[in-house]
Amino acid sequence: MLTEIEKAVAALRAGRVIAYPTEAVFGLGCDPENESALQNVIDVKGRDSHKGFILIASSQDQLREFIAPVSVAQQEILDAHWPGPVTFVVPANTRTSNTLLSGYRDTLAVRVSTHPVVIQLCEQFGSAIVSTSANLSGQEASRSAQEVRTTFGNKLDVVIDAEVGTLNEPTKIIDLRSGERLR
């Protein structure tokens, strides 16, 4: 019998949308390279397609194919905060910029997580995955699998029933280039 993680990875590979716990709230996820899956997340949430998404990973290596090279000083900042609950807005590579993933910008929001479910998902999937809060656009994010099921019903393929991390609010977001805190 497949574990929840294995079912979620199979759903990701099939272009489906999943829900999983992160450091503070449940996230909706999909394969970041599947435009149809990205559109499904937008549709399920009722989200503006110009908002872009966060990519969450188990290691910095999983993010390299999505982002442009950063300076030595910028890399030192990333190394000081990751893995950990800080999301950085970084320059996207030319393949990733100006897509649904980036919200049609030249930047991308990325994080290397310490949450054990996220680590297992990304390692078994072999890549970073999309992470956006599990809520209808404009509403409070879900903090439990039951809240996710109540909000989305059968619109998600897999909901991993595990605990969120210990943060009381979503991770902070910092622009790596300017150092400005965006959230």
C-alpha atoms as a PDB file:
ATOM      1  CA  MET A   1       0.000   0.000   0.000  1.00  0.00           C
ATOM      2  CA  LEU A   2       1.301   3.445  -0.904  1.00  0.00           C
ATOM      3  CA  THR A   3       2.112   5.953   1.826  1.00  0.00           C
ATOM      4  CA  GLU A   4       0.557   9.429   1.722  1.00  0.00           C
ATOM      5  CA  ILE A   5       3.903  10.816   0.525  1.00  0.00           C
ATOM      6  CA  GLU A   6       4.074   8.262  -2.313  1.00  0.00           C
ATOM      7  CA  LYS A   7       0.465   9.059  -3.312  1.00  0.00           C
ATOM      8  CA  ALA A   8       1.289  12.778  -3.266  1.00  0.00           C
ATOM      9  CA  VAL A   9       4.408  12.305  -5.399  1.00  0.00           C
ATOM     10  CA  ALA A  10       2.413  10.234  -7.912  1.00  0.00           C
ATOM     11  CA  ALA A  11      -0.204  13.011  -8.023  1.00  0.00           C
ATOM     12  CA  LEU A  12       2.509  15.642  -8.581  1.00  0.00           C
ATOM     13  CA  ARG A  13       3.961  13.606 -11.443  1.00  0.00           C
ATOM     14  CA  ALA A  14       0.468  13.277 -12.951  1.00  0.00           C
ATOM     15  CA  GLY A  15      -0.010  17.063 -12.938  1.00  0.00           C
ATOM     16  CA  ARG A  16      -2.428  17.074 -10.023  1.00  0.00           C
ATOM     17  CA  VAL A  17      -2.827  19.412  -7.030  1.00  0.00           C
ATOM     18  CA  ILE A  18      -1.989  18.279  -3.497  1.00  0.00           C
ATOM     19  CA  ALA A  19      -2.156  19.798  -0.011  1.00  0.00           C
ATOM     20  CA  TYR A  20       0.571  19.369   2.582  1.00  0.00           C
ATOM     21  CA  PRO A  21       1.729  20.916   5.871  1.00  0.00           C
ATOM     22  CA  THR A  22       4.478  23.544   5.921  1.00  0.00           C
ATOM     23  CA  GLU A  23       6.131  25.533   8.682  1.00  0.00           C
ATOM     24  CA  ALA A  24       2.975  27.488   9.599  1.00  0.00           C
ATOM     25  CA  VAL A  25       0.024  26.557   7.376  1.00  0.00           C
ATOM     26  CA  PHE A  26      -1.058  23.971   4.844  1.00  0.00           C
ATOM     27  CA  GLY A  27       0.134  24.574   1.323  1.00  0.00           C
ATOM     28  CA  LEU A  28      -1.273  23.678  -2.056  1.00  0.00           C
ATOM     29  CA  GLY A  29       1.342  22.209  -4.342  1.00  0.00           C
ATOM     30  CA  CYS A  30       1.953  20.993  -7.845  1.00  0.00           C
ATOM     31  CA  ASP A  31       4.752  20.373 -10.313  1.00  0.00           C
ATOM     32  CA  PRO A  32       6.241  23.837 -10.982  1.00  0.00           C
ATOM     33  CA  GLU A  33       7.054  22.903 -14.575  1.00  0.00           C
ATOM     34  CA  ASN A  34       3.515  21.856 -15.470  1.00  0.00           C
ATOM     35  CA  GLU A  35       1.550  24.895 -16.727  1.00  0.00           C
ATOM     36  CA  SER A  36      -1.732  22.970 -16.597  1.00  0.00           C
ATOM     37  CA  ALA A  37      -1.118  22.062 -12.944  1.00  0.00           C
ATOM     38  CA  LEU A  38      -0.250  25.686 -12.144  1.00  0.00           C
ATOM     39  CA  GLN A  39      -3.502  26.789 -13.771  1.00  0.00           C
ATOM     40  CA  ASN A  40      -5.369  24.182 -11.721  1.00  0.00           C
ATOM     41  CA  VAL A  41      -3.982  25.682  -8.498  1.00  0.00           C
ATOM     42  CA  ILE A  42      -5.049  29.152  -9.674  1.00  0.00           C
ATOM     43  CA  ASP A  43      -8.530  27.862 -10.475  1.00  0.00           C
ATOM     44  CA  VAL A  44      -8.942  25.895  -7.220  1.00  0.00           C
ATOM     45  CA  LYS A  45      -7.934  28.913  -5.099  1.00  0.00           C
ATOM     46  CA  GLY A  46      -9.658  31.558  -7.192  1.00  0.00           C
ATOM     47  CA  ARG A  47      -6.235  33.244  -7.324  1.00  0.00           C
ATOM     48  CA  ASP A  48      -5.007  36.052  -9.567  1.00  0.00           C
ATOM     49  CA  SER A  49      -2.644  34.516 -12.152  1.00  0.00           C
ATOM     50  CA  HIS A  50      -0.278  37.497 -11.806  1.00  0.00           C
ATOM     51  CA  LYS A  51       0.534  36.724  -8.158  1.00  0.00           C
ATOM     52  CA  GLY A  52       3.043  33.973  -8.931  1.00  0.00           C
ATOM     53  CA  PHE A  53       3.934  31.183  -6.550  1.00  0.00           C
ATOM     54  CA  ILE A  54       6.516  30.212  -3.963  1.00  0.00           C
ATOM     55  CA  LEU A  55       8.757  27.259  -4.746  1.00  0.00           C
ATOM     56  CA  ILE A  56       9.626  25.150  -1.737  1.00  0.00           C
ATOM     57  CA  ALA A  57      12.542  22.708  -1.711  1.00  0.00           C
ATOM     58  CA  SER A  58      14.503  20.350   0.489  1.00  0.00           C
ATOM     59  CA  SER A  59      17.840  21.779  -0.696  1.00  0.00           C
ATOM     60  CA  GLN A  60      19.234  24.746  -2.571  1.00  0.00           C
ATOM     61  CA  ASP A  61      20.259  22.398  -5.374  1.00  0.00           C
ATOM     62  CA  GLN A  62      16.580  21.788  -6.148  1.00  0.00           C
ATOM     63  CA  LEU A  63      16.110  25.519  -6.784  1.00  0.00           C
ATOM     64  CA  ARG A  64      19.109  26.078  -9.076  1.00  0.00           C
ATOM     65  CA  GLU A  65      17.288  25.162 -12.294  1.00  0.00           C
ATOM     66  CA  PHE A  66      14.610  27.792 -11.578  1.00  0.00           C
ATOM     67  CA  ILE A  67      16.663  30.800 -10.517  1.00  0.00           C
ATOM     68  CA  ALA A  68      19.363  32.955 -12.063  1.00  0.00           C
ATOM     69  CA  PRO A  69      22.839  32.892 -10.534  1.00  0.00           C
ATOM     70  CA  VAL A  70      23.231  35.077  -7.455  1.00  0.00           C
ATOM     71  CA  SER A  71      26.269  37.002  -6.222  1.00  0.00           C
ATOM     72  CA  VAL A  72      28.605  35.624  -3.571  1.00  0.00           C
ATOM     73  CA  ALA A  73      27.176  38.068  -1.027  1.00  0.00           C
ATOM     74  CA  GLN A  74      23.611  37.025  -1.885  1.00  0.00           C
ATOM     75  CA  GLN A  75      24.564  33.353  -1.621  1.00  0.00           C
ATOM     76  CA  GLU A  76      25.956  34.004   1.855  1.00  0.00           C
ATOM     77  CA  ILE A  77      22.582  35.487   2.871  1.00  0.00           C
ATOM     78  CA  LEU A  78      20.755  32.412   1.562  1.00  0.00           C
ATOM     79  CA  ASP A  79      23.207  30.089   3.319  1.00  0.00           C
ATOM     80  CA  ALA A  80      22.670  31.947   6.608  1.00  0.00           C
ATOM     81  CA  HIS A  81      18.876  31.482   6.474  1.00  0.00           C
ATOM     82  CA  TRP A  82      18.394  28.097   4.831  1.00  0.00           C
ATOM     83  CA  PRO A  83      17.129  25.635   5.530  1.00  0.00           C
ATOM     84  CA  GLY A  84      14.627  27.674   7.487  1.00  0.00           C
ATOM     85  CA  PRO A  85      11.368  29.586   7.463  1.00  0.00           C
ATOM     86  CA  VAL A  86      12.454  32.497   5.257  1.00  0.00           C
ATOM     87  CA  THR A  87      11.255  32.929   1.678  1.00  0.00           C
ATOM     88  CA  PHE A  88      13.432  35.001  -0.636  1.00  0.00           C
ATOM     89  CA  VAL A  89      12.434  36.733  -3.850  1.00  0.00           C
ATOM     90  CA  VAL A  90      15.320  36.101  -6.236  1.00  0.00           C
ATOM     91  CA  PRO A  91      15.969  36.645  -9.946  1.00  0.00           C
ATOM     92  CA  ALA A  92      14.314  33.932 -12.025  1.00  0.00           C
ATOM     93  CA  ASN A  93      16.179  32.273 -14.863  1.00  0.00           C
ATOM     94  CA  THR A  94      15.058  33.108 -18.378  1.00  0.00           C
ATOM     95  CA  ARG A  95      13.104  29.842 -18.729  1.00  0.00           C
ATOM     96  CA  THR A  96      11.156  30.471 -15.522  1.00  0.00           C
ATOM     97  CA  SER A  97      10.570  34.226 -15.740  1.00  0.00           C
ATOM     98  CA  ASN A  98       7.389  35.616 -17.241  1.00  0.00           C
ATOM     99  CA  THR A  99       5.346  32.447 -16.671  1.00  0.00           C
ATOM    100  CA  LEU A 100       2.463  31.519 -14.364  1.00  0.00           C
ATOM    101  CA  LEU A 101       5.070  30.279 -11.883  1.00  0.00           C
ATOM    102  CA  SER A 102       6.695  33.714 -11.546  1.00  0.00           C
ATOM    103  CA  GLY A 103       3.491  35.700 -11.960  1.00  0.00           C
ATOM    104  CA  TYR A 104       4.900  37.082 -15.230  1.00  0.00           C
ATOM    105  CA  ARG A 105       7.805  38.721 -13.378  1.00  0.00           C
ATOM    106  CA  ASP A 106      11.560  38.345 -13.673  1.00  0.00           C
ATOM    107  CA  THR A 107      11.735  37.140 -10.055  1.00  0.00           C
ATOM    108  CA  LEU A 108      10.669  34.043  -8.166  1.00  0.00           C
ATOM    109  CA  ALA A 109       9.885  33.423  -4.484  1.00  0.00           C
ATOM    110  CA  VAL A 110      11.805  30.414  -3.106  1.00  0.00           C
ATOM    111  CA  ARG A 111      12.424  28.664   0.221  1.00  0.00           C
ATOM    112  CA  VAL A 112      14.371  25.679   1.528  1.00  0.00           C
ATOM    113  CA  SER A 113      12.208  24.119   4.219  1.00  0.00           C
ATOM    114  CA  THR A 114      12.960  22.259   7.419  1.00  0.00           C
ATOM    115  CA  HIS A 115       9.488  20.703   7.605  1.00  0.00           C
ATOM    116  CA  PRO A 116       9.892  16.904   7.454  1.00  0.00           C
ATOM    117  CA  VAL A 117       6.897  16.367   5.128  1.00  0.00           C
ATOM    118  CA  VAL A 118       8.162  18.996   2.687  1.00  0.00           C
ATOM    119  CA  ILE A 119      11.629  17.440   2.747  1.00  0.00           C
ATOM    120  CA  GLN A 120      10.214  13.963   2.025  1.00  0.00           C
ATOM    121  CA  LEU A 121       7.947  15.270  -0.752  1.00  0.00           C
ATOM    122  CA  CYS A 122      10.699  17.198  -2.520  1.00  0.00           C
ATOM    123  CA  GLU A 123      13.272  14.434  -2.153  1.00  0.00           C
ATOM    124  CA  GLN A 124      10.925  11.753  -3.476  1.00  0.00           C
ATOM    125  CA  PHE A 125       9.626  14.036  -6.249  1.00  0.00           C
ATOM    126  CA  GLY A 126      13.235  14.966  -7.092  1.00  0.00           C
ATOM    127  CA  SER A 127      12.533  18.681  -7.374  1.00  0.00           C
ATOM    128  CA  ALA A 128      11.133  21.753  -5.718  1.00  0.00           C
ATOM    129  CA  ILE A 129       7.335  22.009  -5.683  1.00  0.00           C
ATOM    130  CA  VAL A 130       4.862  24.862  -5.702  1.00  0.00           C
ATOM    131  CA  SER A 131       3.781  26.150  -2.316  1.00  0.00           C
ATOM    132  CA  THR A 132       0.857  28.520  -1.906  1.00  0.00           C
ATOM    133  CA  SER A 133      -1.356  28.727   1.141  1.00  0.00           C
ATOM    134  CA  ALA A 134      -4.256  26.282   1.213  1.00  0.00           C
ATOM    135  CA  ASN A 135      -7.167  28.693   1.196  1.00  0.00           C
ATOM    136  CA  LEU A 136      -9.584  30.338  -1.146  1.00  0.00           C
ATOM    137  CA  SER A 137      -8.103  33.626  -2.273  1.00  0.00           C
ATOM    138  CA  GLY A 138      -8.559  36.284   0.401  1.00  0.00           C
ATOM    139  CA  GLN A 139      -9.481  33.848   3.186  1.00  0.00           C
ATOM    140  CA  GLU A 140      -7.501  32.506   6.130  1.00  0.00           C
ATOM    141  CA  ALA A 141      -5.023  29.728   5.355  1.00  0.00           C
ATOM    142  CA  SER A 142      -5.832  26.229   6.591  1.00  0.00           C
ATOM    143  CA  ARG A 143      -3.799  24.898   9.497  1.00  0.00           C
ATOM    144  CA  SER A 144      -5.068  21.304   9.429  1.00  0.00           C
ATOM    145  CA  ALA A 145      -5.893  18.599   6.917  1.00  0.00           C
ATOM    146  CA  GLN A 146      -9.534  18.740   8.043  1.00  0.00           C
ATOM    147  CA  GLU A 147      -9.736  22.478   7.300  1.00  0.00           C
ATOM    148  CA  VAL A 148      -8.266  21.806   3.834  1.00  0.00           C
ATOM    149  CA  ARG A 149     -10.858  19.101   3.153  1.00  0.00           C
ATOM    150  CA  THR A 150     -13.678  21.365   4.360  1.00  0.00           C
ATOM    151  CA  THR A 151     -12.506  24.228   2.136  1.00  0.00           C
ATOM    152  CA  PHE A 152     -11.714  22.298  -1.045  1.00  0.00           C
ATOM    153  CA  GLY A 153     -13.807  19.125  -0.854  1.00  0.00           C
ATOM    154  CA  ASN A 154     -12.809  16.775  -3.676  1.00  0.00           C
ATOM    155  CA  LYS A 155     -10.914  19.399  -5.724  1.00  0.00           C
ATOM    156  CA  LEU A 156      -7.536  18.112  -4.458  1.00  0.00           C
ATOM    157  CA  ASP A 157      -6.034  14.747  -5.298  1.00  0.00           C
ATOM    158  CA  VAL A 158      -4.114  14.174  -2.054  1.00  0.00           C
ATOM    159  CA  VAL A 159      -4.236  15.882   1.342  1.00  0.00           C
ATOM    160  CA  ILE A 160      -1.352  14.780   3.560  1.00  0.00           C
ATOM    161  CA  ASP A 161      -2.666  14.462   7.089  1.00  0.00           C
ATOM    162  CA  ALA A 162       0.230  15.691   9.225  1.00  0.00           C
ATOM    163  CA  GLU A 163       0.918  18.597  11.560  1.00  0.00           C
ATOM    164  CA  VAL A 164       2.065  22.038  10.455  1.00  0.00           C
ATOM    165  CA  GLY A 165       5.261  23.421  11.994  1.00  0.00           C
ATOM    166  CA  THR A 166       5.445  25.684  15.005  1.00  0.00           C
ATOM    167  CA  LEU A 167       5.238  29.090  13.311  1.00  0.00           C
ATOM    168  CA  ASN A 168       2.141  31.130  14.126  1.00  0.00           C
ATOM    169  CA  GLU A 169       2.179  33.061  10.851  1.00  0.00           C
ATOM    170  CA  PRO A 170       3.381  32.380   7.312  1.00  0.00           C
ATOM    171  CA  THR A 171       7.101  32.665   6.629  1.00  0.00           C
ATOM    172  CA  LYS A 172       8.546  36.102   6.100  1.00  0.00           C
ATOM    173  CA  ILE A 173       9.395  37.080   2.536  1.00  0.00           C
ATOM    174  CA  ILE A 174      12.519  39.131   1.778  1.00  0.00           C
ATOM    175  CA  ASP A 175      13.672  40.577  -1.542  1.00  0.00           C
ATOM    176  CA  LEU A 176      17.215  39.222  -1.874  1.00  0.00           C
ATOM    177  CA  ARG A 177      18.338  42.120  -4.069  1.00  0.00           C
ATOM    178  CA  SER A 178      17.123  45.005  -1.890  1.00  0.00           C
ATOM    179  CA  GLY A 179      16.885  43.341   1.517  1.00  0.00           C
ATOM    180  CA  GLU A 180      13.339  44.718   1.873  1.00  0.00           C
ATOM    181  CA  ARG A 181      10.906  42.629   3.899  1.00  0.00           C
ATOM    182  CA  LEU A 182       7.806  42.084   1.749  1.00  0.00           C
ATOM    183  CA  ARG A 183       5.811  40.063   4.314  1.00  0.00           C
END
